[in-house]
Amino acid sequence: MKLIGMLDSPYVRRVAISLDLMGVSFEHVPLSVFGAFEAFSTINPVVKAPSLVLEDGSVLMDSTLILDYFEALSPADKQLMPRQAMPLAASLRTLGLALAACDKAVQIVYERQLRPVETRHQPWLDRVTGQLLAACREWEAQLARTPALVHGRPDQAAITSAVAWSFIQLMVADVVRADDFHLLPRHAARLEETEVFKRYPQA
């Protein structure tokens, strides 16, 4: 089984860390959707990271859908999502906010790095920035209310929150100031010091 994509993508990184914690063996193939577009397209013509090539050669894509697949396959003690309705709803809310913040950060990065300055639309950037900051405020409040461990390990909401915050701070720290938040920086710093996070560094 092969995980295709670069670890500078928070979506690839959350899958790599999660599969490791779930005890799933895989080979990481670090292909860039930009620098290795042609090579990536021979594996998945959509060129979407992460892509996961299963043993039978079929390809799954989208980090959440890949993780849903392995949640369904894993025994209870390896799953990273709660099973009961109320804890699951809380975890899904945290995940939704973390991924929304991540998506908005990616939009800002693309605007800054890919779009020529003269074609940037500032009202759009202002709107995306407002959405990003709103998501971060709600995310921090929600994380405070959500248990971070399942079977003694960080759960999916905790993993994704740490990965997403680290990405945001790497790419748009001037937009989302760490000093304006309390729990998210501490949470990410704690998980970044664990062995499984160190095995899949974002840089």
Protein backbone atom coordinates (compact mmCIF):
# COMPACT_ATOMS: atom_id res chain seq x y z
CA MET A 1 0.00 0.00 0.00
CA LYS A 2 1.35 3.43 -0.95
CA LEU A 3 0.51 6.89 0.38
CA ILE A 4 1.17 9.46 -2.33
CA GLY A 5 1.85 13.11 -1.50
CA MET A 6 4.16 15.48 0.31
CA LEU A 7 4.18 15.88 4.09
CA ASP A 8 4.05 19.66 3.70
CA SER A 9 0.38 18.99 2.93
CA PRO A 10 -1.54 18.78 6.23
CA TYR A 11 -3.96 16.37 4.56
CA VAL A 12 -1.20 13.94 3.62
CA ARG A 13 0.41 14.31 7.04
CA ARG A 14 -2.79 13.61 8.99
CA VAL A 15 -3.27 10.41 7.01
CA ALA A 16 0.34 9.26 7.55
CA ILE A 17 0.23 9.85 11.31
CA SER A 18 -3.22 8.30 11.65
CA LEU A 19 -2.37 5.16 9.69
CA ASP A 20 0.76 4.71 11.78
CA LEU A 21 -1.26 4.98 15.01
CA MET A 22 -3.83 2.55 13.63
CA GLY A 23 -1.11 0.02 12.92
CA VAL A 24 -1.53 0.15 9.14
CA SER A 25 1.63 -0.54 7.14
CA PHE A 26 2.23 1.69 4.13
CA GLU A 27 4.98 3.12 1.96
CA HIS A 28 5.14 6.89 1.70
CA VAL A 29 5.85 8.15 -1.83
CA PRO A 30 6.58 11.91 -1.59
CA LEU A 31 5.33 13.20 -4.94
CA SER A 32 4.38 16.86 -5.29
CA VAL A 33 1.17 17.84 -7.07
CA PHE A 34 3.19 20.75 -8.49
CA GLY A 35 6.75 19.55 -9.08
CA ALA A 36 5.83 15.97 -10.00
CA PHE A 37 2.48 16.55 -11.72
CA GLU A 38 3.11 14.11 -14.58
CA ALA A 39 4.40 11.33 -12.35
CA PHE A 40 1.51 11.85 -9.94
CA SER A 41 -1.00 11.75 -12.80
CA THR A 42 0.14 8.24 -13.78
CA ILE A 43 -0.98 7.08 -10.32
CA ASN A 44 -4.11 9.21 -10.02
CA PRO A 45 -5.17 11.25 -13.06
CA VAL A 46 -6.97 13.69 -10.73
CA VAL A 47 -3.58 14.52 -9.11
CA LYS A 48 -5.06 14.95 -5.64
CA ALA A 49 -2.99 14.56 -2.48
CA PRO A 50 -3.25 12.45 -0.54
CA SER A 51 -3.90 9.50 -2.79
CA LEU A 52 -3.67 6.00 -1.36
CA VAL A 53 -2.94 3.03 -3.60
CA LEU A 54 -4.43 -0.12 -2.10
CA GLU A 55 -2.98 -3.60 -2.47
CA ASP A 56 -5.31 -4.35 -5.39
CA GLY A 57 -4.16 -1.21 -7.22
CA SER A 58 -7.31 0.81 -6.63
CA VAL A 59 -6.82 4.41 -5.51
CA LEU A 60 -8.56 6.26 -2.71
CA MET A 61 -8.31 10.04 -2.36
CA ASP A 62 -9.31 12.77 0.09
CA SER A 63 -7.84 12.48 3.57
CA THR A 64 -11.16 12.14 5.38
CA LEU A 65 -12.45 9.43 3.03
CA ILE A 66 -9.18 7.48 3.32
CA LEU A 67 -9.37 7.63 7.11
CA ASP A 68 -13.06 6.64 7.09
CA TYR A 69 -12.09 3.52 5.14
CA PHE A 70 -9.52 2.45 7.71
CA GLU A 71 -11.80 3.29 10.62
CA ALA A 72 -14.23 0.75 9.15
CA LEU A 73 -11.48 -1.87 8.79
CA SER A 74 -9.77 -1.39 12.15
CA PRO A 75 -10.53 -3.24 15.38
CA ALA A 76 -12.04 -1.13 18.14
CA ASP A 77 -8.75 -0.67 19.98
CA LYS A 78 -7.11 0.83 16.88
CA GLN A 79 -9.88 3.23 15.87
CA LEU A 80 -9.31 6.95 16.29
CA MET A 81 -12.93 8.11 16.24
CA PRO A 82 -15.47 7.67 19.04
CA ARG A 83 -18.30 5.24 18.35
CA GLN A 84 -21.08 6.68 20.50
CA ALA A 85 -23.23 9.48 19.14
CA MET A 86 -22.48 12.36 21.52
CA PRO A 87 -18.67 11.95 21.66
CA LEU A 88 -18.68 11.38 17.90
CA ALA A 89 -20.61 14.60 17.28
CA ALA A 90 -18.13 16.54 19.43
CA SER A 91 -15.18 15.02 17.61
CA LEU A 92 -16.73 15.73 14.21
CA ARG A 93 -17.34 19.35 15.17
CA THR A 94 -13.69 19.76 16.16
CA LEU A 95 -12.61 18.10 12.91
CA GLY A 96 -14.92 20.28 10.86
CA LEU A 97 -13.49 23.46 12.37
CA ALA A 98 -9.85 22.31 12.08
CA LEU A 99 -10.30 21.29 8.45
CA ALA A 100 -12.21 24.46 7.61
CA ALA A 101 -9.37 26.54 9.07
CA CYS A 102 -6.88 24.46 7.13
CA ASP A 103 -8.80 24.89 3.87
CA LYS A 104 -8.95 28.67 4.31
CA ALA A 105 -5.22 28.80 5.09
CA VAL A 106 -4.53 26.84 1.89
CA GLN A 107 -6.62 29.34 -0.09
CA ILE A 108 -4.53 32.21 1.27
CA VAL A 109 -1.30 30.36 0.48
CA TYR A 110 -2.44 29.74 -3.10
CA GLU A 111 -3.41 33.38 -3.52
CA ARG A 112 -0.02 34.51 -2.28
CA GLN A 113 2.16 31.97 -4.05
CA LEU A 114 0.35 31.17 -7.30
CA ARG A 115 -1.67 34.20 -8.31
CA PRO A 116 0.12 37.24 -9.77
CA VAL A 117 -0.06 40.23 -7.43
CA GLU A 118 -1.88 42.37 -9.99
CA THR A 119 -4.73 39.85 -10.27
CA ARG A 120 -5.36 39.32 -6.55
CA HIS A 121 -8.79 40.34 -5.34
CA GLN A 122 -8.41 41.88 -1.89
CA PRO A 123 -12.11 41.62 -0.91
CA TRP A 124 -11.87 37.87 -1.49
CA LEU A 125 -8.70 37.61 0.59
CA ASP A 126 -10.36 39.64 3.35
CA ARG A 127 -13.35 37.32 3.34
CA VAL A 128 -11.20 34.17 3.47
CA THR A 129 -9.09 35.68 6.25
CA GLY A 130 -12.22 36.44 8.27
CA GLN A 131 -13.43 32.86 7.80
CA LEU A 132 -10.04 31.49 8.86
CA LEU A 133 -9.94 33.55 12.05
CA ALA A 134 -13.56 32.73 12.90
CA ALA A 135 -12.84 29.01 12.43
CA CYS A 136 -9.77 29.24 14.67
CA ARG A 137 -11.69 30.95 17.48
CA GLU A 138 -14.48 28.37 17.37
CA TRP A 139 -11.95 25.54 17.00
CA GLU A 140 -10.03 26.56 20.12
CA ALA A 141 -13.24 26.74 22.15
CA GLN A 142 -14.42 23.38 20.84
CA LEU A 143 -11.09 21.66 21.45
CA ALA A 144 -11.31 22.65 25.11
CA ARG A 145 -14.56 20.70 25.38
CA THR A 146 -13.41 17.59 23.49
CA PRO A 147 -11.54 14.63 25.06
CA ALA A 148 -8.25 14.18 23.20
CA LEU A 149 -7.64 10.48 23.83
CA VAL A 150 -9.23 7.28 22.53
CA HIS A 151 -7.80 4.01 23.90
CA GLY A 152 -5.02 6.06 25.52
CA ARG A 153 -3.87 7.60 22.24
CA PRO A 154 -4.65 10.94 20.59
CA ASP A 155 -7.90 10.67 18.68
CA GLN A 156 -8.50 11.91 15.15
CA ALA A 157 -9.69 15.33 16.29
CA ALA A 158 -6.52 15.77 18.36
CA ILE A 159 -4.25 14.57 15.54
CA THR A 160 -5.87 16.75 12.90
CA SER A 161 -5.94 19.77 15.20
CA ALA A 162 -2.20 19.52 15.84
CA VAL A 163 -1.36 18.95 12.16
CA ALA A 164 -3.61 21.79 10.98
CA TRP A 165 -2.33 24.28 13.57
CA SER A 166 1.30 23.47 12.73
CA PHE A 167 0.56 23.99 9.04
CA ILE A 168 -1.21 27.31 9.68
CA GLN A 169 1.69 28.55 11.76
CA LEU A 170 4.19 27.47 9.12
CA MET A 171 2.37 29.14 6.24
CA VAL A 172 0.20 32.01 7.52
CA ALA A 173 1.47 32.88 11.01
CA ASP A 174 1.14 36.56 10.11
CA VAL A 175 -2.62 36.02 9.67
CA VAL A 176 -3.27 33.68 12.61
CA ARG A 177 -1.09 35.01 15.42
CA ALA A 178 -0.16 32.30 17.92
CA ASP A 179 -0.22 34.86 20.75
CA ASP A 180 -3.95 35.32 20.19
CA PHE A 181 -4.63 31.70 21.13
CA HIS A 182 -3.91 29.63 24.20
CA LEU A 183 -4.92 25.99 23.83
CA LEU A 184 -4.15 25.34 20.15
CA PRO A 185 -0.42 26.23 20.32
CA ARG A 186 0.10 24.14 23.47
CA HIS A 187 -1.85 21.21 22.04
CA ALA A 188 0.13 21.18 18.80
CA ALA A 189 3.47 21.62 20.57
CA ARG A 190 2.73 18.65 22.82
CA LEU A 191 1.86 16.31 19.97
CA GLU A 192 4.70 17.52 17.75
CA GLU A 193 7.07 16.19 20.43
CA THR A 194 5.70 12.64 20.19
CA GLU A 195 7.60 9.98 18.22
CA VAL A 196 4.81 9.40 15.70
CA PHE A 197 4.63 13.08 14.76
CA LYS A 198 8.42 13.24 14.49
CA ARG A 199 8.36 10.32 12.06
CA TYR A 200 6.32 12.46 9.65
CA PRO A 201 7.72 16.03 9.87
CA GLN A 202 5.81 18.68 7.96
CA ALA A 203 8.80 20.53 6.49
